Protein backbone atom coordinates (compact mmCIF):
# COMPACT_ATOMS: atom_id res chain seq x y z
CA UNK A 1 0.00 0.00 0.00
CA UNK A 2 2.95 2.29 0.67
CA UNK A 3 4.11 1.98 -2.95
CA UNK A 4 0.69 3.11 -4.22
CA UNK A 5 0.96 6.25 -2.08
CA UNK A 6 4.35 7.09 -3.59
CA UNK A 7 3.17 6.37 -7.13
CA UNK A 8 0.20 8.71 -6.66
CA UNK A 9 2.52 11.42 -5.30
CA UNK A 10 4.89 10.96 -8.24
CA UNK A 11 2.07 11.20 -10.77
CA UNK A 12 0.55 14.25 -9.06
CA UNK A 13 3.93 15.99 -8.80
CA UNK A 14 4.79 15.25 -12.40
CA UNK A 15 1.39 16.44 -13.61
CA UNK A 16 1.60 19.64 -11.56
CA UNK A 17 5.07 20.30 -12.96
CA UNK A 18 3.86 19.88 -16.51
CA UNK A 19 0.96 22.28 -15.89
CA UNK A 20 3.21 24.93 -14.33
CA UNK A 21 5.83 24.59 -17.07
CA UNK A 22 3.15 24.88 -19.73
CA UNK A 23 1.78 28.00 -18.04
CA UNK A 24 5.23 29.61 -17.91
CA UNK A 25 5.92 28.88 -21.58
CA UNK A 26 2.44 30.09 -22.54
CA UNK A 27 3.03 33.28 -20.56
CA UNK A 28 6.31 33.90 -22.37
CA UNK A 29 4.63 33.23 -25.70
CA UNK A 30 1.64 35.49 -24.96
CA UNK A 31 3.69 38.53 -24.04
CA UNK A 32 5.76 38.03 -27.19
CA UNK A 33 9.28 38.17 -25.78
CA UNK A 34 10.89 35.97 -28.41
CA UNK A 35 9.42 37.53 -31.58
CA UNK A 36 9.99 41.03 -30.25
CA UNK A 37 13.64 40.38 -29.44
CA UNK A 38 14.18 38.63 -32.76
CA UNK A 39 12.63 41.57 -34.57
CA UNK A 40 14.74 44.12 -32.69
CA UNK A 41 17.97 42.21 -33.32
CA UNK A 42 17.20 41.37 -36.95
CA UNK A 43 17.31 37.62 -36.35
CA UNK A 44 13.68 36.79 -37.14
CA UNK A 45 14.68 33.66 -39.04
CA UNK A 46 15.90 32.11 -35.76
CA UNK A 47 12.66 32.51 -33.77
CA UNK A 48 12.03 28.76 -33.77
CA UNK A 49 15.56 28.13 -32.48
CA UNK A 50 15.04 30.69 -29.70
CA UNK A 51 11.76 29.09 -28.67
CA UNK A 52 13.32 25.63 -28.63
CA UNK A 53 16.23 26.91 -26.54
CA UNK A 54 13.78 28.29 -23.97
CA UNK A 55 11.88 25.00 -23.88
CA UNK A 56 15.03 22.87 -23.54
CA UNK A 57 16.40 25.26 -20.93
CA UNK A 58 13.21 24.85 -18.92
CA UNK A 59 13.37 21.07 -19.22
CA UNK A 60 17.04 20.89 -18.25
CA UNK A 61 16.54 23.36 -15.40
CA UNK A 62 13.59 21.41 -14.05
CA UNK A 63 15.48 18.13 -14.30
CA UNK A 64 18.48 19.67 -12.53
CA UNK A 65 16.28 20.80 -9.65
CA UNK A 66 14.32 17.57 -9.33
CA UNK A 67 17.34 15.29 -9.67
CA UNK A 68 19.54 17.60 -7.56
CA UNK A 69 22.16 17.70 -10.29
CA UNK A 70 25.37 19.65 -9.92
CA UNK A 71 27.09 20.91 -13.03
CA UNK A 72 30.67 22.06 -12.32
CA UNK A 73 30.95 25.13 -14.55
CA UNK A 74 33.38 27.14 -12.43
CA UNK A 75 33.37 30.88 -11.78
CA UNK A 76 33.51 31.86 -15.44
CA UNK A 77 30.54 29.62 -16.17
CA UNK A 78 28.62 31.13 -13.27
CA UNK A 79 29.40 34.64 -14.54
CA UNK A 80 28.20 33.74 -18.04
CA UNK A 81 25.13 31.99 -16.67
CA UNK A 82 24.33 34.97 -14.44
CA UNK A 83 24.70 37.40 -17.33
CA UNK A 84 22.38 35.34 -19.50
CA UNK A 85 19.87 34.88 -16.67
CA UNK A 86 19.90 38.59 -15.93
CA UNK A 87 19.40 39.46 -19.58
CA UNK A 88 16.52 37.01 -19.88
CA UNK A 89 14.75 38.27 -16.75
CA UNK A 90 15.37 41.85 -17.77
CA UNK A 91 13.86 41.25 -21.20
CA UNK A 92 10.96 39.37 -19.66
CA UNK A 93 10.24 42.16 -17.18
CA UNK A 94 10.46 44.86 -19.83
CA UNK A 95 8.25 42.87 -22.22
CA UNK A 96 5.66 42.32 -19.52
CA UNK A 97 5.72 45.99 -18.60
CA UNK A 98 5.38 46.94 -22.26
CA UNK A 99 2.46 44.60 -22.82
CA UNK A 100 0.67 45.97 -19.79
CA UNK A 101 1.51 49.55 -20.84
CA UNK A 102 3.13 50.11 -17.46
CA UNK A 103 6.05 52.16 -18.75
CA UNK A 104 4.01 54.90 -20.48
CA UNK A 105 1.76 55.24 -17.43
CA UNK A 106 4.77 55.28 -15.09
CA UNK A 107 6.53 57.83 -17.28
CA UNK A 108 3.48 60.12 -17.13
CA UNK A 109 3.04 59.67 -13.39
CA UNK A 110 6.64 60.48 -12.47
CA UNK A 111 6.81 63.08 -15.26
CA UNK A 112 9.69 61.55 -17.17
CA UNK A 113 10.07 63.29 -20.51
CA UNK A 114 13.50 62.00 -21.40
CA UNK A 115 15.60 59.09 -20.26
CA UNK A 116 13.04 56.30 -20.48
CA UNK A 117 15.66 54.26 -22.34
CA UNK A 118 18.00 54.61 -19.35
CA UNK A 119 15.22 53.62 -16.98
CA UNK A 120 14.59 50.42 -18.93
CA UNK A 121 18.32 49.70 -19.07
CA UNK A 122 18.54 50.25 -15.31
CA UNK A 123 15.72 47.74 -14.78
CA UNK A 124 17.55 45.12 -16.86
CA UNK A 125 20.89 45.82 -15.15
CA UNK A 126 19.22 45.59 -11.75
CA UNK A 127 17.92 42.15 -12.62
CA UNK A 128 21.40 41.21 -13.82
CA UNK A 129 23.02 42.44 -10.62
CA UNK A 130 20.49 40.56 -8.51
CA UNK A 131 21.22 37.40 -10.44
CA UNK A 132 24.99 37.81 -10.02
CA UNK A 133 24.61 38.50 -6.29
CA UNK A 134 22.38 35.45 -5.92
CA UNK A 135 25.10 33.18 -7.27
CA UNK A 136 28.21 34.82 -5.79
CA UNK A 137 27.21 36.00 -2.33
CA UNK A 138 26.64 33.07 0.02
CA UNK A 139 23.39 33.45 1.93
CA UNK A 140 22.24 36.44 -0.16
CA UNK A 141 18.95 34.75 -1.01
CA UNK A 142 18.16 34.01 2.65
CA UNK A 143 17.96 37.67 3.64
C-alpha atoms as a PDB file:
ATOM      1  CA  UNK A   1       0.000   0.000   0.000  1.00  0.00           C
ATOM      2  CA  UNK A   2       2.952   2.291   0.670  1.00  0.00           C
ATOM      3  CA  UNK A   3       4.108   1.978  -2.954  1.00  0.00           C
ATOM      4  CA  UNK A   4       0.690   3.113  -4.222  1.00  0.00           C
ATOM      5  CA  UNK A   5       0.956   6.246  -2.077  1.00  0.00           C
ATOM      6  CA  UNK A   6       4.353   7.094  -3.586  1.00  0.00           C
ATOM      7  CA  UNK A   7       3.172   6.372  -7.130  1.00  0.00           C
ATOM      8  CA  UNK A   8       0.197   8.709  -6.664  1.00  0.00           C
ATOM      9  CA  UNK A   9       2.515  11.417  -5.297  1.00  0.00           C
ATOM     10  CA  UNK A  10       4.895  10.957  -8.235  1.00  0.00           C
ATOM     11  CA  UNK A  11       2.066  11.195 -10.769  1.00  0.00           C
ATOM     12  CA  UNK A  12       0.548  14.254  -9.058  1.00  0.00           C
ATOM     13  CA  UNK A  13       3.925  15.988  -8.796  1.00  0.00           C
ATOM     14  CA  UNK A  14       4.789  15.249 -12.403  1.00  0.00           C
ATOM     15  CA  UNK A  15       1.387  16.440 -13.609  1.00  0.00           C
ATOM     16  CA  UNK A  16       1.604  19.640 -11.563  1.00  0.00           C
ATOM     17  CA  UNK A  17       5.075  20.295 -12.957  1.00  0.00           C
ATOM     18  CA  UNK A  18       3.860  19.883 -16.510  1.00  0.00           C
ATOM     19  CA  UNK A  19       0.955  22.280 -15.894  1.00  0.00           C
ATOM     20  CA  UNK A  20       3.205  24.929 -14.331  1.00  0.00           C
ATOM     21  CA  UNK A  21       5.832  24.592 -17.071  1.00  0.00           C
ATOM     22  CA  UNK A  22       3.145  24.883 -19.729  1.00  0.00           C
ATOM     23  CA  UNK A  23       1.782  27.997 -18.044  1.00  0.00           C
ATOM     24  CA  UNK A  24       5.226  29.609 -17.914  1.00  0.00           C
ATOM     25  CA  UNK A  25       5.918  28.879 -21.578  1.00  0.00           C
ATOM     26  CA  UNK A  26       2.436  30.093 -22.542  1.00  0.00           C
ATOM     27  CA  UNK A  27       3.025  33.282 -20.563  1.00  0.00           C
ATOM     28  CA  UNK A  28       6.313  33.902 -22.372  1.00  0.00           C
ATOM     29  CA  UNK A  29       4.633  33.233 -25.703  1.00  0.00           C
ATOM     30  CA  UNK A  30       1.638  35.489 -24.963  1.00  0.00           C
ATOM     31  CA  UNK A  31       3.694  38.529 -24.037  1.00  0.00           C
ATOM     32  CA  UNK A  32       5.765  38.032 -27.190  1.00  0.00           C
ATOM     33  CA  UNK A  33       9.282  38.173 -25.775  1.00  0.00           C
ATOM     34  CA  UNK A  34      10.894  35.973 -28.415  1.00  0.00           C
ATOM     35  CA  UNK A  35       9.421  37.527 -31.584  1.00  0.00           C
ATOM     36  CA  UNK A  36       9.986  41.031 -30.253  1.00  0.00           C
ATOM     37  CA  UNK A  37      13.637  40.378 -29.435  1.00  0.00           C
ATOM     38  CA  UNK A  38      14.179  38.633 -32.757  1.00  0.00           C
ATOM     39  CA  UNK A  39      12.632  41.574 -34.566  1.00  0.00           C
ATOM     40  CA  UNK A  40      14.739  44.118 -32.689  1.00  0.00           C
ATOM     41  CA  UNK A  41      17.970  42.208 -33.324  1.00  0.00           C
ATOM     42  CA  UNK A  42      17.202  41.366 -36.953  1.00  0.00           C
ATOM     43  CA  UNK A  43      17.307  37.621 -36.345  1.00  0.00           C
ATOM     44  CA  UNK A  44      13.684  36.790 -37.140  1.00  0.00           C
ATOM     45  CA  UNK A  45      14.677  33.657 -39.042  1.00  0.00           C
ATOM     46  CA  UNK A  46      15.899  32.111 -35.763  1.00  0.00           C
ATOM     47  CA  UNK A  47      12.658  32.510 -33.766  1.00  0.00           C
ATOM     48  CA  UNK A  48      12.026  28.760 -33.767  1.00  0.00           C
ATOM     49  CA  UNK A  49      15.559  28.126 -32.477  1.00  0.00           C
ATOM     50  CA  UNK A  50      15.041  30.689 -29.697  1.00  0.00           C
ATOM     51  CA  UNK A  51      11.762  29.089 -28.667  1.00  0.00           C
ATOM     52  CA  UNK A  52      13.321  25.625 -28.634  1.00  0.00           C
ATOM     53  CA  UNK A  53      16.231  26.915 -26.542  1.00  0.00           C
ATOM     54  CA  UNK A  54      13.781  28.289 -23.970  1.00  0.00           C
ATOM     55  CA  UNK A  55      11.884  24.996 -23.876  1.00  0.00           C
ATOM     56  CA  UNK A  56      15.027  22.873 -23.539  1.00  0.00           C
ATOM     57  CA  UNK A  57      16.395  25.264 -20.934  1.00  0.00           C
ATOM     58  CA  UNK A  58      13.210  24.847 -18.919  1.00  0.00           C
ATOM     59  CA  UNK A  59      13.370  21.072 -19.217  1.00  0.00           C
ATOM     60  CA  UNK A  60      17.040  20.892 -18.245  1.00  0.00           C
ATOM     61  CA  UNK A  61      16.542  23.362 -15.404  1.00  0.00           C
ATOM     62  CA  UNK A  62      13.587  21.409 -14.046  1.00  0.00           C
ATOM     63  CA  UNK A  63      15.478  18.130 -14.301  1.00  0.00           C
ATOM     64  CA  UNK A  64      18.484  19.667 -12.533  1.00  0.00           C
ATOM     65  CA  UNK A  65      16.278  20.798  -9.649  1.00  0.00           C
ATOM     66  CA  UNK A  66      14.321  17.573  -9.331  1.00  0.00           C
ATOM     67  CA  UNK A  67      17.338  15.295  -9.667  1.00  0.00           C
ATOM     68  CA  UNK A  68      19.538  17.600  -7.556  1.00  0.00           C
ATOM     69  CA  UNK A  69      22.160  17.701 -10.287  1.00  0.00           C
ATOM     70  CA  UNK A  70      25.370  19.645  -9.920  1.00  0.00           C
ATOM     71  CA  UNK A  71      27.085  20.909 -13.034  1.00  0.00           C
ATOM     72  CA  UNK A  72      30.666  22.061 -12.315  1.00  0.00           C
ATOM     73  CA  UNK A  73      30.953  25.129 -14.554  1.00  0.00           C
ATOM     74  CA  UNK A  74      33.377  27.144 -12.434  1.00  0.00           C
ATOM     75  CA  UNK A  75      33.375  30.878 -11.775  1.00  0.00           C
ATOM     76  CA  UNK A  76      33.513  31.859 -15.437  1.00  0.00           C
ATOM     77  CA  UNK A  77      30.542  29.616 -16.169  1.00  0.00           C
ATOM     78  CA  UNK A  78      28.618  31.133 -13.271  1.00  0.00           C
ATOM     79  CA  UNK A  79      29.399  34.637 -14.544  1.00  0.00           C
ATOM     80  CA  UNK A  80      28.204  33.744 -18.042  1.00  0.00           C
ATOM     81  CA  UNK A  81      25.127  31.991 -16.669  1.00  0.00           C
ATOM     82  CA  UNK A  82      24.333  34.968 -14.435  1.00  0.00           C
ATOM     83  CA  UNK A  83      24.698  37.397 -17.328  1.00  0.00           C
ATOM     84  CA  UNK A  84      22.378  35.345 -19.501  1.00  0.00           C
ATOM     85  CA  UNK A  85      19.872  34.883 -16.672  1.00  0.00           C
ATOM     86  CA  UNK A  86      19.898  38.591 -15.925  1.00  0.00           C
ATOM     87  CA  UNK A  87      19.401  39.457 -19.580  1.00  0.00           C
ATOM     88  CA  UNK A  88      16.518  37.015 -19.883  1.00  0.00           C
ATOM     89  CA  UNK A  89      14.753  38.265 -16.754  1.00  0.00           C
ATOM     90  CA  UNK A  90      15.366  41.854 -17.771  1.00  0.00           C
ATOM     91  CA  UNK A  91      13.859  41.251 -21.201  1.00  0.00           C
ATOM     92  CA  UNK A  92      10.956  39.372 -19.659  1.00  0.00           C
ATOM     93  CA  UNK A  93      10.242  42.165 -17.177  1.00  0.00           C
ATOM     94  CA  UNK A  94      10.455  44.861 -19.831  1.00  0.00           C
ATOM     95  CA  UNK A  95       8.247  42.874 -22.223  1.00  0.00           C
ATOM     96  CA  UNK A  96       5.656  42.323 -19.525  1.00  0.00           C
ATOM     97  CA  UNK A  97       5.721  45.990 -18.596  1.00  0.00           C
ATOM     98  CA  UNK A  98       5.383  46.940 -22.262  1.00  0.00           C
ATOM     99  CA  UNK A  99       2.457  44.602 -22.818  1.00  0.00           C
ATOM    100  CA  UNK A 100       0.674  45.970 -19.787  1.00  0.00           C
ATOM    101  CA  UNK A 101       1.511  49.549 -20.836  1.00  0.00           C
ATOM    102  CA  UNK A 102       3.127  50.112 -17.463  1.00  0.00           C
ATOM    103  CA  UNK A 103       6.049  52.159 -18.748  1.00  0.00           C
ATOM    104  CA  UNK A 104       4.015  54.896 -20.479  1.00  0.00           C
ATOM    105  CA  UNK A 105       1.759  55.238 -17.429  1.00  0.00           C
ATOM    106  CA  UNK A 106       4.769  55.281 -15.091  1.00  0.00           C
ATOM    107  CA  UNK A 107       6.530  57.834 -17.283  1.00  0.00           C
ATOM    108  CA  UNK A 108       3.475  60.115 -17.128  1.00  0.00           C
ATOM    109  CA  UNK A 109       3.040  59.673 -13.389  1.00  0.00           C
ATOM    110  CA  UNK A 110       6.637  60.479 -12.468  1.00  0.00           C
ATOM    111  CA  UNK A 111       6.813  63.082 -15.259  1.00  0.00           C
ATOM    112  CA  UNK A 112       9.692  61.553 -17.167  1.00  0.00           C
ATOM    113  CA  UNK A 113      10.066  63.290 -20.511  1.00  0.00           C
ATOM    114  CA  UNK A 114      13.498  61.998 -21.402  1.00  0.00           C
ATOM    115  CA  UNK A 115      15.601  59.093 -20.260  1.00  0.00           C
ATOM    116  CA  UNK A 116      13.036  56.299 -20.479  1.00  0.00           C
ATOM    117  CA  UNK A 117      15.662  54.259 -22.338  1.00  0.00           C
ATOM    118  CA  UNK A 118      17.998  54.611 -19.353  1.00  0.00           C
ATOM    119  CA  UNK A 119      15.219  53.623 -16.975  1.00  0.00           C
ATOM    120  CA  UNK A 120      14.587  50.417 -18.930  1.00  0.00           C
ATOM    121  CA  UNK A 121      18.316  49.703 -19.067  1.00  0.00           C
ATOM    122  CA  UNK A 122      18.540  50.252 -15.308  1.00  0.00           C
ATOM    123  CA  UNK A 123      15.720  47.737 -14.779  1.00  0.00           C
ATOM    124  CA  UNK A 124      17.547  45.123 -16.859  1.00  0.00           C
ATOM    125  CA  UNK A 125      20.894  45.816 -15.155  1.00  0.00           C
ATOM    126  CA  UNK A 126      19.221  45.594 -11.746  1.00  0.00           C
ATOM    127  CA  UNK A 127      17.919  42.149 -12.624  1.00  0.00           C
ATOM    128  CA  UNK A 128      21.397  41.206 -13.824  1.00  0.00           C
ATOM    129  CA  UNK A 129      23.023  42.444 -10.625  1.00  0.00           C
ATOM    130  CA  UNK A 130      20.488  40.564  -8.512  1.00  0.00           C
ATOM    131  CA  UNK A 131      21.221  37.397 -10.441  1.00  0.00           C
ATOM    132  CA  UNK A 132      24.991  37.810 -10.015  1.00  0.00           C
ATOM    133  CA  UNK A 133      24.610  38.498  -6.295  1.00  0.00           C
ATOM    134  CA  UNK A 134      22.382  35.452  -5.917  1.00  0.00           C
ATOM    135  CA  UNK A 135      25.101  33.177  -7.270  1.00  0.00           C
ATOM    136  CA  UNK A 136      28.205  34.824  -5.794  1.00  0.00           C
ATOM    137  CA  UNK A 137      27.211  36.002  -2.326  1.00  0.00           C
ATOM    138  CA  UNK A 138      26.639  33.073   0.019  1.00  0.00           C
ATOM    139  CA  UNK A 139      23.393  33.454   1.927  1.00  0.00           C
ATOM    140  CA  UNK A 140      22.240  36.439  -0.158  1.00  0.00           C
ATOM    141  CA  UNK A 141      18.951  34.755  -1.012  1.00  0.00           C
ATOM    142  CA  UNK A 142      18.158  34.014   2.655  1.00  0.00           C
ATOM    143  CA  UNK A 143      17.964  37.670   3.645  1.00  0.00           C
END
